Structure formats: structure tokens, C-alpha cells
Amino acid sequence: MASRYGNIMDVETSGADLRTAKADGKNDEGVPASHRMAEHDLADMNKYKGLIMKVAERNAVDPAVICGIISRESRAGTGLDKHGRGDNGKAFGLMQIDTTPAPSGGGHTPKGEWNSEEHLQQCTEILIGFIKIIQKKFNSWTKEQQLKGGIAAYNKGQDCVESYEKVDARTTGMDYSNDVVARAQWFYCHGYAETRNYGIIVAAAATAIVGGVSAVVLAPIALVGIGFGAGGIAAGSTAASMMSAAAIANGGGVAAGSLVAVLQSAGAVGLSGMATAVVGSAGAAIGGALGGSVGWLKKRFS
């Protein structure tokens, strides 16, 4: 289920400009450069994953969008001073709220510590405010175009967005929204995908597993559809995001007997041979176990 403000994976992007990429001492540009910078920030981003996911869920925003902004603005905190300040002291926190007095700056009063939930909530509300302004200003644009425009406005205000074709003409580096979108898309595929539909998807898979003879055929389809296949977990899939979250929660590994482990095993064997026999003889037991796991998963990501 996509964010109410559009699906970040459907937003067009040209990625980072060469000048932005050179900040890392590299000479690449475009989407590959944005992806490289996002990957560089992943370990530090994961320190704040719980807060990011919580704020994203509360505000119906893709967590990857928050990550894209954090990566661009503060390199997941590594680009800030010891007080959480950046941009020569003009901006504060992971998402770099502009504290410069209006009208030359944003004039915002920071809430919370620089790496706190309060900070992420405040900045996400600011982002949503800009998206809504862009929605009204350009009501003929698609949700994805309005999302991109809102990201550009987060950087330089709504007046900087004059057309979709030149959405970054007045943003920092003339690539802000394109770079943030590309980074966000990378994070989406590496542990920061939308999570609100996990319980529904897994419940459907569980129902398929225990639903009878026809379900024995349908279960592998459901599992493969979310990324649990015979060849392992598919990169960038819902299964990959689930595995990443489970590994982080468990200190680096996936616990034996956990929901992810169960579905991974089921996907690997395709519910054939012994697995089919288990379904035929112990469907109720499997259903109860998976039902409990689904309940745990819903609670884990709420």
C-alpha cells in the first residue's frame, strides 16, 4: 500500500548532479551516484530505523522518503557537528530544519534533540505541508509529481517550484528532489519499504498454505509474489525488507522459527514433498503458528 502522498517508486528521477556526487570525491552522477551515496549512509541510517518507521507510519509517508532527505541533508548525521548543526550552523538535525530567521530562512524553532523522534516528526510535518501546498498549486499533476514537487519545496520553499519540467531549477545543486527521490528509491529496496501491508500479505500467504488441496498449489505463488522463492529471498522485495527488519531486531540474524524463517523455508521447498505432507496432516497447527506470527508482525511494525 503506497503512501497517501504517492508511491516513491513511481516518481521519475534523473538522480544527483555531478557537483553533488563530487562531495564524496567521486566523478559519477545520476541515479547510480545517488544510489552509491545512499548505500554509503545505510549503516548510519539504520541507527534511527525504529524512529523513522514509527514517524512514517504515523504520517502515512513512505519511510524511504524520510531516509532520502536524511541522506541528502546530513548523510545520516555524519555530516553534522557535535550539536547536530549543519550548513554553517544555519540548520538543525538529521533532516536539517532551517532555523535562519524569516524571511531569508525558514525561521523554524527546533523540537527535540537533533536525532530524536520529535525532530523527525516536526520535519515530516513540514514536508507534508509543502506537499499539500504543491497539490493545490499544481492540482493537475499526478500524486507522484506533487510528491517530487513537495520534496523540492522542502529544500527551497514552494515559490521555487514553477513547473514540473524544471522542478529543480532553483533547488540546491539544481538536483535536490531528483537526488532525494533516487536515494529514497534505493532505501525502499534495502529495508525501508512501506510496512503497513505486511500483515495482510503474510496473512494471505498463511491462508493459502492451510486452505486445502488447491491452496497447496496457490501457496508457492503467494510466497514468490512477496519474494520468498526457491532460489532464496529476492532483492528489493517485501521479503527482503522483512528479513532486514528481522535481522536488525534480532541483532544481525534471523531467529529460527520466526515468521521470516518459516516463510523462507516454505518458499525454498515450494511446499512440495515433505512440506505438502505437513500441510495435509497438520494444517490447523501450521495455521495457528502462522496466525500467531502474523499477529506478532502486525505488532512489531505498528
Protein backbone atom coordinates (compact mmCIF):
# COMPACT_ATOMS: atom_id res chain seq x y z
CA MET A 1 0.00 0.00 0.00
CA ALA A 2 1.55 3.26 -1.12
CA SER A 3 1.81 6.44 0.89
CA ARG A 4 -1.22 8.70 0.68
CA TYR A 5 1.09 11.21 -1.00
CA GLY A 6 2.14 8.98 -3.87
CA ASN A 7 4.38 5.98 -4.49
CA ILE A 8 8.05 6.96 -4.31
CA MET A 9 8.97 4.04 -6.57
CA ASP A 10 6.88 5.55 -9.37
CA VAL A 11 8.50 9.01 -9.22
CA GLU A 12 10.68 9.90 -12.19
CA THR A 13 14.24 10.86 -11.32
CA SER A 14 17.50 11.76 -13.01
CA GLY A 15 19.46 11.40 -9.78
CA ALA A 16 22.32 13.50 -8.47
CA ASP A 17 24.21 16.17 -10.36
CA LEU A 18 27.96 15.72 -10.79
CA ARG A 19 28.61 18.54 -8.31
CA THR A 20 26.63 16.74 -5.60
CA ALA A 21 28.38 13.44 -6.24
CA LYS A 22 31.79 15.12 -6.06
CA ALA A 23 31.15 15.82 -2.38
CA ASP A 24 32.15 12.18 -1.91
CA GLY A 25 35.20 12.63 -4.11
CA LYS A 26 33.60 10.69 -6.95
CA ASN A 27 33.14 11.65 -10.58
CA ASP A 28 29.90 9.77 -11.23
CA GLU A 29 26.46 11.31 -11.49
CA GLY A 30 22.80 10.49 -12.00
CA VAL A 31 20.84 7.70 -10.33
CA PRO A 32 23.92 5.45 -9.81
CA ALA A 33 25.63 8.26 -7.86
CA SER A 34 22.55 8.77 -5.68
CA HIS A 35 22.35 5.04 -5.03
CA ARG A 36 26.04 4.91 -4.13
CA MET A 37 25.65 7.73 -1.61
CA ALA A 38 22.55 6.12 -0.12
CA GLU A 39 24.39 2.82 0.27
CA HIS A 40 27.24 4.66 1.98
CA ASP A 41 24.75 6.04 4.53
CA LEU A 42 22.85 2.81 5.21
CA ALA A 43 24.72 1.68 8.34
CA ASP A 44 24.29 5.08 9.99
CA MET A 45 20.67 5.33 8.80
CA ASN A 46 19.86 2.03 10.47
CA LYS A 47 20.69 3.58 13.86
CA TYR A 48 17.47 5.57 13.50
CA LYS A 49 15.36 2.98 11.71
CA GLY A 50 12.90 2.45 14.53
CA LEU A 51 12.19 6.18 14.79
CA ILE A 52 11.95 6.59 11.01
CA MET A 53 9.48 3.74 10.63
CA LYS A 54 7.36 5.00 13.52
CA VAL A 55 7.15 8.56 12.20
CA ALA A 56 6.48 7.34 8.65
CA GLU A 57 3.64 5.10 9.83
CA ARG A 58 2.08 7.86 11.91
CA ASN A 59 2.10 10.31 9.00
CA ALA A 60 1.34 7.89 6.12
CA VAL A 61 4.61 8.76 4.40
CA ASP A 62 6.95 6.23 2.82
CA PRO A 63 9.83 5.74 5.28
CA ALA A 64 12.18 5.72 2.32
CA VAL A 65 11.28 9.36 1.59
CA ILE A 66 12.40 10.35 5.09
CA CYS A 67 15.60 8.38 4.52
CA GLY A 68 16.24 10.11 1.20
CA ILE A 69 16.03 13.51 2.85
CA ILE A 70 18.19 12.47 5.80
CA SER A 71 20.82 11.06 3.45
CA ARG A 72 20.91 14.20 1.31
CA GLU A 73 20.72 16.69 4.17
CA SER A 74 23.01 15.23 6.84
CA ARG A 75 24.44 11.97 5.48
CA ALA A 76 22.50 10.21 8.23
CA GLY A 77 24.02 12.51 10.84
CA THR A 78 27.67 12.06 9.89
CA GLY A 79 27.79 15.45 8.19
CA LEU A 80 26.75 17.39 11.30
CA ASP A 81 28.75 18.92 14.13
CA LYS A 82 28.51 17.68 17.72
CA HIS A 83 25.46 19.87 18.28
CA GLY A 84 23.59 18.39 15.32
CA ARG A 85 24.13 21.51 13.23
CA GLY A 86 24.91 21.78 9.54
CA ASP A 87 25.04 24.39 6.77
CA ASN A 88 27.39 26.58 8.81
CA GLY A 89 25.12 26.38 11.83
CA LYS A 90 22.01 27.52 9.95
CA ALA A 91 20.23 24.17 10.01
CA PHE A 92 19.50 21.58 12.71
CA GLY A 93 19.11 17.84 12.89
CA LEU A 94 19.02 14.78 10.70
CA MET A 95 16.55 16.37 8.28
CA GLN A 96 18.14 19.83 8.64
CA ILE A 97 15.35 22.12 9.74
CA ASP A 98 16.14 25.71 8.71
CA THR A 99 16.47 27.88 11.82
CA THR A 100 17.55 31.04 9.98
CA PRO A 101 15.09 33.86 10.79
CA ALA A 102 12.44 34.61 8.17
CA PRO A 103 12.17 35.92 5.54
CA SER A 104 15.69 34.91 4.49
CA GLY A 105 15.29 31.49 6.09
CA GLY A 106 12.69 29.06 7.33
CA GLY A 107 12.52 30.59 10.78
CA HIS A 108 11.70 27.26 12.43
CA THR A 109 12.18 26.58 16.12
CA PRO A 110 13.59 23.04 16.51
CA LYS A 111 11.73 20.46 18.56
CA GLY A 112 13.59 17.73 20.41
CA GLU A 113 17.19 16.61 20.03
CA TRP A 114 18.81 16.60 16.60
CA ASN A 115 18.36 12.83 16.22
CA SER A 116 15.06 12.42 18.07
CA GLU A 117 11.58 11.28 17.12
CA GLU A 118 10.33 14.82 17.84
CA HIS A 119 12.75 16.21 15.27
CA LEU A 120 11.75 13.68 12.62
CA GLN A 121 8.06 14.33 13.32
CA GLN A 122 8.48 18.10 13.01
CA CYS A 123 10.35 17.85 9.73
CA THR A 124 7.94 15.28 8.30
CA GLU A 125 5.06 17.62 9.10
CA ILE A 126 6.91 20.41 7.29
CA LEU A 127 7.41 18.13 4.28
CA ILE A 128 3.73 17.17 4.25
CA GLY A 129 2.79 20.85 4.46
CA PHE A 130 4.82 21.58 1.34
CA ILE A 131 3.37 18.58 -0.50
CA LYS A 132 -0.14 19.86 0.23
CA ILE A 133 0.78 23.34 -1.00
CA ILE A 134 2.13 21.85 -4.23
CA GLN A 135 -1.03 19.74 -4.57
CA LYS A 136 -3.13 22.90 -4.53
CA LYS A 137 -0.73 24.88 -6.69
CA PHE A 138 -0.49 22.15 -9.34
CA ASN A 139 -3.74 20.20 -8.97
CA SER A 140 -3.41 18.66 -12.43
CA TRP A 141 -0.16 16.89 -11.55
CA THR A 142 -0.15 13.24 -10.53
CA LYS A 143 0.43 12.39 -6.88
CA GLU A 144 3.96 11.30 -7.73
CA GLN A 145 4.70 14.62 -9.45
CA GLN A 146 3.26 16.50 -6.47
CA LEU A 147 5.41 14.40 -4.12
CA LYS A 148 8.51 15.33 -6.07
CA GLY A 149 7.46 18.99 -6.09
CA GLY A 150 6.90 18.86 -2.34
CA ILE A 151 10.41 17.49 -1.83
CA ALA A 152 11.83 20.34 -3.91
CA ALA A 153 9.79 22.83 -1.86
CA TYR A 154 11.12 21.29 1.36
CA ASN A 155 14.53 22.47 0.21
CA LYS A 156 13.79 26.00 -1.04
CA GLY A 157 10.11 26.75 -0.43
CA GLN A 158 7.04 26.45 -2.64
CA ASP A 159 7.93 29.52 -4.71
CA CYS A 160 10.96 27.70 -6.10
CA VAL A 161 8.69 25.20 -7.86
CA GLU A 162 7.41 26.80 -11.05
CA SER A 163 6.97 23.78 -13.32
CA TYR A 164 7.45 20.04 -13.24
CA GLU A 165 9.95 20.09 -16.08
CA LYS A 166 12.17 22.48 -14.11
CA VAL A 167 11.29 21.29 -10.63
CA ASP A 168 14.93 21.54 -9.51
CA ALA A 169 15.85 24.72 -11.36
CA ARG A 170 16.10 26.67 -8.11
CA THR A 171 16.96 23.96 -5.58
CA THR A 172 20.36 23.39 -4.00
CA GLY A 173 22.67 21.93 -6.63
CA MET A 174 19.78 22.12 -9.09
CA ASP A 175 19.17 18.44 -8.34
CA TYR A 176 17.67 18.28 -4.84
CA SER A 177 14.38 16.49 -5.49
CA ASN A 178 15.86 14.23 -8.17
CA ASP A 179 18.69 13.21 -5.85
CA VAL A 180 16.41 12.69 -2.83
CA VAL A 181 13.98 10.61 -4.89
CA ALA A 182 16.77 8.38 -6.24
CA ARG A 183 18.22 7.88 -2.77
CA ALA A 184 14.75 7.15 -1.38
CA GLN A 185 14.16 4.52 -4.05
CA TRP A 186 17.40 2.81 -3.05
CA PHE A 187 16.41 2.82 0.62
CA TYR A 188 12.97 1.48 -0.31
CA CYS A 189 14.67 -1.56 -1.80
CA HIS A 190 17.01 -2.01 1.16
CA GLY A 191 14.88 -2.28 4.25
CA TYR A 192 12.71 0.84 4.19
CA ALA A 193 9.75 -0.24 2.11
CA GLU A 194 6.17 0.50 3.13
CA THR A 195 5.35 -1.87 6.00
CA ARG A 196 1.66 -1.37 6.75
CA ASN A 197 0.59 -4.17 4.40
CA TYR A 198 2.95 -6.86 5.77
CA GLY A 199 0.32 -8.42 7.99
CA ILE A 200 -2.23 -8.53 5.17
CA ILE A 201 0.23 -10.04 2.68
CA VAL A 202 1.52 -12.68 5.09
CA ALA A 203 -1.98 -13.49 6.29
CA ALA A 204 -2.92 -14.15 2.66
CA ALA A 205 0.10 -16.41 2.29
CA ALA A 206 -0.76 -18.23 5.51
CA THR A 207 -4.36 -18.72 4.36
CA ALA A 208 -3.06 -20.14 1.09
CA ILE A 209 -0.79 -22.53 2.97
CA VAL A 210 -3.52 -24.05 5.11
CA GLY A 211 -6.57 -23.64 2.92
CA GLY A 212 -6.76 -27.16 1.48
CA VAL A 213 -5.67 -29.04 -1.64
CA SER A 214 -5.98 -26.09 -4.01
CA ALA A 215 -4.10 -23.90 -1.56
CA VAL A 216 -1.09 -26.21 -1.74
CA VAL A 217 -0.79 -25.01 -5.34
CA LEU A 218 -1.54 -21.38 -4.54
CA ALA A 219 0.81 -21.02 -1.55
CA PRO A 220 4.06 -21.05 -3.56
CA ILE A 221 2.59 -18.36 -5.83
CA ALA A 222 1.77 -16.18 -2.84
CA LEU A 223 5.20 -16.70 -1.32
CA VAL A 224 7.05 -15.98 -4.56
CA GLY A 225 4.89 -12.90 -5.04
CA ILE A 226 6.30 -11.35 -1.87
CA GLY A 227 9.85 -12.55 -2.55
CA PHE A 228 10.20 -15.95 -0.84
CA GLY A 229 11.37 -18.15 -3.72
CA ALA A 230 13.18 -21.43 -4.30
CA GLY A 231 16.39 -19.52 -5.03
CA GLY A 232 16.23 -17.52 -1.82
CA ILE A 233 14.85 -14.11 -0.96
CA ALA A 234 14.52 -11.74 -3.91
CA ALA A 235 16.45 -8.48 -3.65
CA GLY A 236 14.26 -5.41 -3.19
CA SER A 237 11.16 -7.46 -2.39
CA THR A 238 8.78 -7.32 0.56
CA ALA A 239 10.52 -10.46 1.82
CA ALA A 240 13.89 -8.69 1.70
CA SER A 241 12.53 -5.78 3.74
CA MET A 242 11.02 -8.20 6.26
CA MET A 243 14.31 -10.07 6.55
CA SER A 244 16.28 -6.85 7.00
CA ALA A 245 13.95 -5.63 9.74
CA ALA A 246 14.00 -9.03 11.47
CA ALA A 247 17.80 -9.18 11.34
CA ILE A 248 18.17 -5.71 12.84
CA ALA A 249 15.67 -6.52 15.59
CA ASN A 250 17.49 -9.77 16.36
CA GLY A 251 20.99 -8.33 16.46
CA GLY A 252 22.08 -9.32 12.96
CA GLY A 253 20.49 -12.71 12.35
CA VAL A 254 17.05 -14.15 11.65
CA ALA A 255 15.83 -16.25 14.56
CA ALA A 256 15.00 -19.89 13.89
CA GLY A 257 11.26 -20.46 13.98
CA SER A 258 10.43 -16.80 13.34
CA LEU A 259 7.89 -15.78 10.72
CA VAL A 260 10.60 -14.82 8.22
CA ALA A 261 12.41 -18.13 8.77
CA VAL A 262 9.17 -20.12 8.33
CA LEU A 263 8.21 -18.35 5.11
CA GLN A 264 11.76 -18.54 3.77
CA SER A 265 11.79 -22.30 4.30
CA ALA A 266 8.34 -22.70 2.74
CA GLY A 267 9.37 -20.66 -0.29
CA ALA A 268 12.59 -22.62 -0.70
CA VAL A 269 10.88 -26.02 -0.91
CA GLY A 270 7.82 -24.78 -2.78
CA LEU A 271 5.61 -26.69 -0.32
CA SER A 272 6.42 -29.91 -2.15
CA GLY A 273 7.40 -33.31 -0.81
CA MET A 274 7.50 -33.27 2.99
CA ALA A 275 6.04 -29.78 3.16
CA THR A 276 2.95 -30.91 1.23
CA ALA A 277 2.53 -33.81 3.61
CA VAL A 278 2.78 -31.45 6.56
CA VAL A 279 0.10 -29.22 5.06
CA GLY A 280 -2.16 -32.21 4.53
CA SER A 281 -1.76 -33.62 8.03
CA ALA A 282 -1.17 -30.59 10.23
CA GLY A 283 -2.88 -27.70 8.53
CA ALA A 284 -4.53 -26.49 11.71
CA ALA A 285 -1.23 -26.44 13.59
CA ILE A 286 0.52 -24.51 10.82
CA GLY A 287 -2.39 -22.13 10.59
CA GLY A 288 -2.24 -21.44 14.31
CA ALA A 289 1.51 -20.91 14.26
CA LEU A 290 1.42 -18.60 11.27
CA GLY A 291 -1.61 -16.80 12.63
CA GLY A 292 0.34 -16.04 15.79
CA SER A 293 3.31 -14.93 13.74
CA VAL A 294 1.11 -12.60 11.72
CA GLY A 295 -0.16 -11.07 14.95
CA TRP A 296 3.42 -10.59 16.11
CA LEU A 297 4.34 -8.98 12.80
CA LYS A 298 1.46 -6.51 12.97
CA LYS A 299 2.51 -5.51 16.49
CA ARG A 300 6.20 -5.36 15.51
CA PHE A 301 5.62 -2.85 12.72
CA SER A 302 2.88 -0.75 14.41
